[in-house]
Amino acid sequence: MAQNLATAIGLPVTHREVPLDYVRTSADLAAMLPIDTVLTDGWADRPAPGLLTLTPGGRRRLTDVAARVDAFRELSMAGISLEEYRTTVRTLERMSHKLEMATSPSH
């Protein structure tokens, strides 16, 4: 699952390791800031300079999180058709865009 997620968002992943030189923008760096937390909490190890890998405990925890997310999605989508879901998401995106435009400094 972690490999599929990483692949889906375009991260180069080999054997569940992400090269730290992948950081190219400040947004990439901001996304990497929680690294100290995942290392300290035992989610990941640094097997070599510039690489992170999930620990066995991190893999178990990730599996648990994925199961919880799946259960939440199943419960929250019960009785809602895919078309209703898509309509809701499109409407919320339009609302969000309007609010962003109305509150942007250049507007």
N, C-alpha and C. Protein backbone atom coordinates (compact mmCIF):
# COMPACT_ATOMS: atom_id res chain seq x y z
N MET A 1 0.81 -1.19 0.00
CA MET A 1 0.00 0.00 0.00
C MET A 1 0.86 1.26 0.00
N ALA A 2 1.88 1.35 0.84
CA ALA A 2 2.74 2.53 0.87
C ALA A 2 3.38 2.74 -0.49
N GLN A 3 3.78 1.67 -1.13
CA GLN A 3 4.39 1.77 -2.44
C GLN A 3 3.37 2.34 -3.43
N ASN A 4 2.10 1.88 -3.38
CA ASN A 4 1.09 2.37 -4.30
C ASN A 4 0.82 3.85 -4.08
N LEU A 5 0.73 4.29 -2.82
CA LEU A 5 0.51 5.69 -2.51
C LEU A 5 1.67 6.52 -3.03
N ALA A 6 2.88 6.10 -2.74
CA ALA A 6 4.06 6.85 -3.19
C ALA A 6 4.10 6.93 -4.70
N THR A 7 3.79 5.84 -5.37
CA THR A 7 3.77 5.83 -6.82
C THR A 7 2.69 6.76 -7.34
N ALA A 8 1.52 6.75 -6.69
CA ALA A 8 0.41 7.58 -7.12
C ALA A 8 0.73 9.06 -7.03
N ILE A 9 1.51 9.48 -6.04
CA ILE A 9 1.84 10.90 -5.91
C ILE A 9 3.17 11.24 -6.56
N GLY A 10 3.78 10.27 -7.22
CA GLY A 10 4.96 10.53 -8.02
C GLY A 10 6.30 10.47 -7.31
N LEU A 11 6.36 9.84 -6.15
CA LEU A 11 7.64 9.71 -5.46
C LEU A 11 8.43 8.55 -6.04
N PRO A 12 9.73 8.73 -6.21
CA PRO A 12 10.55 7.60 -6.64
C PRO A 12 10.77 6.66 -5.46
N VAL A 13 10.25 5.45 -5.56
CA VAL A 13 10.34 4.52 -4.44
C VAL A 13 10.99 3.23 -4.90
N THR A 14 12.03 2.83 -4.18
CA THR A 14 12.68 1.56 -4.41
C THR A 14 12.82 0.88 -3.06
N HIS A 15 12.23 -0.28 -2.92
CA HIS A 15 12.31 -1.01 -1.66
C HIS A 15 11.88 -0.15 -0.47
N ARG A 16 10.83 0.65 -0.67
CA ARG A 16 10.25 1.50 0.37
C ARG A 16 11.21 2.57 0.88
N GLU A 17 12.15 2.98 0.07
CA GLU A 17 13.09 4.02 0.46
C GLU A 17 12.89 5.23 -0.45
N VAL A 18 12.97 6.42 0.11
CA VAL A 18 12.80 7.66 -0.64
C VAL A 18 14.09 8.48 -0.56
N PRO A 19 14.73 8.78 -1.68
CA PRO A 19 15.94 9.60 -1.64
C PRO A 19 15.61 11.00 -1.14
N LEU A 20 16.40 11.50 -0.19
CA LEU A 20 16.15 12.83 0.35
C LEU A 20 16.47 13.92 -0.66
N ASP A 21 17.26 13.62 -1.70
CA ASP A 21 17.52 14.64 -2.71
C ASP A 21 16.31 14.89 -3.59
N TYR A 22 15.21 14.19 -3.31
CA TYR A 22 13.95 14.43 -4.02
C TYR A 22 13.39 15.80 -3.65
N VAL A 23 13.82 16.35 -2.52
CA VAL A 23 13.34 17.66 -2.07
C VAL A 23 13.85 18.72 -3.04
N ARG A 24 12.92 19.37 -3.72
CA ARG A 24 13.28 20.38 -4.72
C ARG A 24 12.69 21.75 -4.41
N THR A 25 11.62 21.82 -3.64
CA THR A 25 10.96 23.09 -3.36
C THR A 25 10.73 23.24 -1.87
N SER A 26 10.35 24.44 -1.46
CA SER A 26 10.04 24.64 -0.05
C SER A 26 8.84 23.79 0.37
N ALA A 27 7.92 23.55 -0.56
CA ALA A 27 6.77 22.68 -0.24
C ALA A 27 7.24 21.26 0.01
N ASP A 28 8.20 20.80 -0.79
CA ASP A 28 8.77 19.47 -0.56
C ASP A 28 9.43 19.42 0.81
N LEU A 29 10.17 20.48 1.15
CA LEU A 29 10.84 20.53 2.45
C LEU A 29 9.82 20.53 3.59
N ALA A 30 8.76 21.30 3.45
CA ALA A 30 7.73 21.34 4.49
C ALA A 30 7.10 19.97 4.68
N ALA A 31 6.96 19.24 3.59
CA ALA A 31 6.40 17.89 3.70
C ALA A 31 7.36 16.95 4.42
N MET A 32 8.65 17.27 4.38
CA MET A 32 9.64 16.41 5.01
C MET A 32 9.87 16.74 6.48
N LEU A 33 9.38 17.88 6.97
CA LEU A 33 9.63 18.29 8.34
C LEU A 33 9.23 17.25 9.39
N PRO A 34 8.15 16.51 9.19
CA PRO A 34 7.79 15.50 10.20
C PRO A 34 8.74 14.31 10.27
N ILE A 35 9.81 14.30 9.49
CA ILE A 35 10.73 13.16 9.48
C ILE A 35 11.28 12.88 10.87
N ASP A 36 11.68 13.92 11.59
CA ASP A 36 12.20 13.70 12.94
C ASP A 36 11.19 12.96 13.81
N THR A 37 9.91 13.31 13.64
CA THR A 37 8.86 12.67 14.43
C THR A 37 8.74 11.19 14.08
N VAL A 38 8.74 10.85 12.79
CA VAL A 38 8.59 9.44 12.43
C VAL A 38 9.82 8.63 12.83
N LEU A 39 10.99 9.27 12.84
CA LEU A 39 12.19 8.58 13.31
C LEU A 39 12.12 8.38 14.82
N THR A 40 11.77 9.41 15.55
CA THR A 40 11.70 9.34 17.01
C THR A 40 10.61 8.38 17.47
N ASP A 41 9.47 8.39 16.77
CA ASP A 41 8.34 7.53 17.16
C ASP A 41 8.49 6.09 16.67
N GLY A 42 9.56 5.78 15.95
CA GLY A 42 9.80 4.40 15.53
C GLY A 42 9.10 3.97 14.27
N TRP A 43 8.54 4.92 13.52
CA TRP A 43 7.88 4.58 12.26
C TRP A 43 8.92 4.24 11.18
N ALA A 44 10.04 4.94 11.22
CA ALA A 44 11.03 4.80 10.15
C ALA A 44 12.44 4.78 10.74
N ASP A 45 13.36 4.27 9.93
CA ASP A 45 14.79 4.25 10.22
C ASP A 45 15.51 4.96 9.08
N ARG A 46 16.73 5.34 9.32
CA ARG A 46 17.58 5.92 8.28
C ARG A 46 18.69 4.90 8.03
N PRO A 47 18.49 3.97 7.08
CA PRO A 47 19.48 2.90 6.86
C PRO A 47 20.79 3.39 6.25
N ALA A 48 20.74 4.54 5.62
CA ALA A 48 21.94 5.12 5.01
C ALA A 48 21.69 6.61 4.88
N PRO A 49 22.74 7.40 4.78
CA PRO A 49 22.54 8.84 4.61
C PRO A 49 21.64 9.12 3.40
N GLY A 50 20.65 9.96 3.61
CA GLY A 50 19.77 10.34 2.52
C GLY A 50 18.62 9.39 2.25
N LEU A 51 18.48 8.31 3.04
CA LEU A 51 17.41 7.34 2.81
C LEU A 51 16.60 7.14 4.08
N LEU A 52 15.31 6.89 3.90
CA LEU A 52 14.41 6.50 4.99
C LEU A 52 13.74 5.21 4.59
N THR A 53 13.45 4.37 5.56
CA THR A 53 12.70 3.15 5.31
C THR A 53 11.79 2.88 6.49
N LEU A 54 10.62 2.33 6.23
CA LEU A 54 9.72 1.98 7.31
C LEU A 54 10.32 0.87 8.16
N THR A 55 10.11 0.97 9.47
CA THR A 55 10.51 -0.12 10.37
C THR A 55 9.41 -1.17 10.33
N PRO A 56 9.65 -2.38 10.85
CA PRO A 56 8.56 -3.36 10.95
C PRO A 56 7.38 -2.79 11.74
N GLY A 57 7.65 -2.07 12.83
CA GLY A 57 6.58 -1.43 13.58
C GLY A 57 5.86 -0.37 12.77
N GLY A 58 6.62 0.38 11.98
CA GLY A 58 6.03 1.40 11.11
C GLY A 58 5.12 0.78 10.06
N ARG A 59 5.53 -0.36 9.51
CA ARG A 59 4.68 -1.06 8.54
C ARG A 59 3.38 -1.52 9.19
N ARG A 60 3.48 -2.06 10.44
CA ARG A 60 2.26 -2.50 11.14
C ARG A 60 1.35 -1.32 11.41
N ARG A 61 1.93 -0.21 11.85
CA ARG A 61 1.13 0.98 12.15
C ARG A 61 0.49 1.53 10.89
N LEU A 62 1.22 1.54 9.78
CA LEU A 62 0.68 2.01 8.52
C LEU A 62 -0.48 1.13 8.07
N THR A 63 -0.34 -0.18 8.25
CA THR A 63 -1.42 -1.11 7.93
C THR A 63 -2.65 -0.82 8.78
N ASP A 64 -2.44 -0.53 10.08
CA ASP A 64 -3.54 -0.20 10.97
C ASP A 64 -4.22 1.10 10.54
N VAL A 65 -3.42 2.10 10.21
CA VAL A 65 -3.99 3.39 9.76
C VAL A 65 -4.80 3.17 8.49
N ALA A 66 -4.27 2.40 7.55
CA ALA A 66 -4.99 2.14 6.29
C ALA A 66 -6.32 1.45 6.55
N ALA A 67 -6.33 0.50 7.48
CA ALA A 67 -7.58 -0.20 7.81
C ALA A 67 -8.60 0.77 8.41
N ARG A 68 -8.13 1.67 9.27
CA ARG A 68 -9.03 2.66 9.87
C ARG A 68 -9.59 3.62 8.82
N VAL A 69 -8.74 4.06 7.91
CA VAL A 69 -9.18 4.95 6.84
C VAL A 69 -10.21 4.24 5.97
N ASP A 70 -9.94 2.99 5.61
CA ASP A 70 -10.88 2.22 4.79
C ASP A 70 -12.22 2.07 5.51
N ALA A 71 -12.20 1.78 6.81
CA ALA A 71 -13.44 1.63 7.58
C ALA A 71 -14.20 2.95 7.63
N PHE A 72 -13.49 4.06 7.83
CA PHE A 72 -14.12 5.38 7.85
C PHE A 72 -14.78 5.67 6.51
N ARG A 73 -14.05 5.42 5.42
CA ARG A 73 -14.61 5.67 4.08
C ARG A 73 -15.85 4.83 3.84
N GLU A 74 -15.78 3.56 4.22
CA GLU A 74 -16.93 2.67 4.02
C GLU A 74 -18.14 3.17 4.80
N LEU A 75 -17.93 3.54 6.05
CA LEU A 75 -19.03 4.03 6.89
C LEU A 75 -19.57 5.35 6.37
N SER A 76 -18.68 6.28 6.01
CA SER A 76 -19.14 7.60 5.57
C SER A 76 -19.81 7.57 4.20
N MET A 77 -19.51 6.57 3.39
CA MET A 77 -20.10 6.47 2.04
C MET A 77 -21.33 5.56 1.99
N ALA A 78 -21.67 4.94 3.09
CA ALA A 78 -22.82 4.02 3.09
C ALA A 78 -24.08 4.75 2.62
N GLY A 79 -24.72 4.20 1.60
CA GLY A 79 -25.97 4.77 1.09
C GLY A 79 -25.79 5.96 0.17
N ILE A 80 -24.55 6.31 -0.16
CA ILE A 80 -24.27 7.44 -1.05
C ILE A 80 -23.71 6.88 -2.35
N SER A 81 -24.37 7.24 -3.44
CA SER A 81 -23.91 6.74 -4.74
C SER A 81 -22.63 7.46 -5.16
N LEU A 82 -21.93 6.85 -6.09
CA LEU A 82 -20.71 7.46 -6.61
C LEU A 82 -21.03 8.81 -7.26
N GLU A 83 -22.16 8.89 -7.95
CA GLU A 83 -22.56 10.16 -8.58
C GLU A 83 -22.83 11.23 -7.53
N GLU A 84 -23.50 10.87 -6.43
CA GLU A 84 -23.74 11.83 -5.35
C GLU A 84 -22.42 12.31 -4.75
N TYR A 85 -21.51 11.38 -4.56
CA TYR A 85 -20.19 11.73 -4.02
C TYR A 85 -19.47 12.70 -4.94
N ARG A 86 -19.45 12.39 -6.23
CA ARG A 86 -18.78 13.26 -7.20
C ARG A 86 -19.40 14.65 -7.23
N THR A 87 -20.73 14.72 -7.18
CA THR A 87 -21.42 16.02 -7.16
C THR A 87 -21.03 16.81 -5.93
N THR A 88 -20.97 16.15 -4.78
CA THR A 88 -20.60 16.83 -3.54
C THR A 88 -19.19 17.37 -3.62
N VAL A 89 -18.26 16.56 -4.10
CA VAL A 89 -16.86 16.98 -4.20
C VAL A 89 -16.75 18.16 -5.17
N ARG A 90 -17.40 18.10 -6.30
CA ARG A 90 -17.34 19.21 -7.27
C ARG A 90 -17.91 20.50 -6.64
N THR A 91 -19.02 20.37 -5.93
CA THR A 91 -19.62 21.55 -5.29
C THR A 91 -18.70 22.13 -4.24
N LEU A 92 -18.11 21.29 -3.40
CA LEU A 92 -17.19 21.78 -2.37
C LEU A 92 -15.95 22.43 -2.99
N GLU A 93 -15.46 21.87 -4.09
CA GLU A 93 -14.31 22.46 -4.77
C GLU A 93 -14.65 23.84 -5.31
N ARG A 94 -15.85 24.00 -5.88
CA ARG A 94 -16.27 25.31 -6.38
C ARG A 94 -16.40 26.31 -5.24
N MET A 95 -16.99 25.87 -4.12
CA MET A 95 -17.14 26.75 -2.97
C MET A 95 -15.78 27.19 -2.45
N SER A 96 -14.86 26.25 -2.33
CA SER A 96 -13.52 26.54 -1.85
C SER A 96 -12.82 27.53 -2.77
N HIS A 97 -12.92 27.31 -4.07
CA HIS A 97 -12.30 28.21 -5.05
C HIS A 97 -12.85 29.62 -4.90
N LYS A 98 -14.16 29.75 -4.76
CA LYS A 98 -14.77 31.08 -4.61
C LYS A 98 -14.26 31.78 -3.35
N LEU A 99 -14.16 31.04 -2.26
CA LEU A 99 -13.65 31.63 -1.02
C LEU A 99 -12.19 32.04 -1.15
N GLU A 100 -11.39 31.20 -1.80
CA GLU A 100 -9.98 31.53 -2.01
C GLU A 100 -9.84 32.79 -2.86
N MET A 101 -10.65 32.89 -3.89
CA MET A 101 -10.60 34.06 -4.77
C MET A 101 -11.03 35.33 -4.01
N ALA A 102 -12.05 35.20 -3.20
CA ALA A 102 -12.58 36.35 -2.46
C ALA A 102 -11.63 36.83 -1.37
N THR A 103 -10.80 35.94 -0.87
CA THR A 103 -9.91 36.32 0.24
C THR A 103 -8.46 36.49 -0.19
N SER A 104 -8.17 36.32 -1.47
CA SER A 104 -6.78 36.48 -1.93
C SER A 104 -6.42 37.97 -1.93
N PRO A 105 -5.18 38.28 -1.60
CA PRO A 105 -4.75 39.69 -1.55
C PRO A 105 -4.88 40.41 -2.89
N SER A 106 -4.75 39.69 -3.99
CA SER A 106 -4.80 40.34 -5.30
C SER A 106 -6.21 40.59 -5.78
N HIS A 107 -7.20 40.14 -5.05
CA HIS A 107 -8.60 40.28 -5.49
C HIS A 107 -9.19 41.56 -4.99
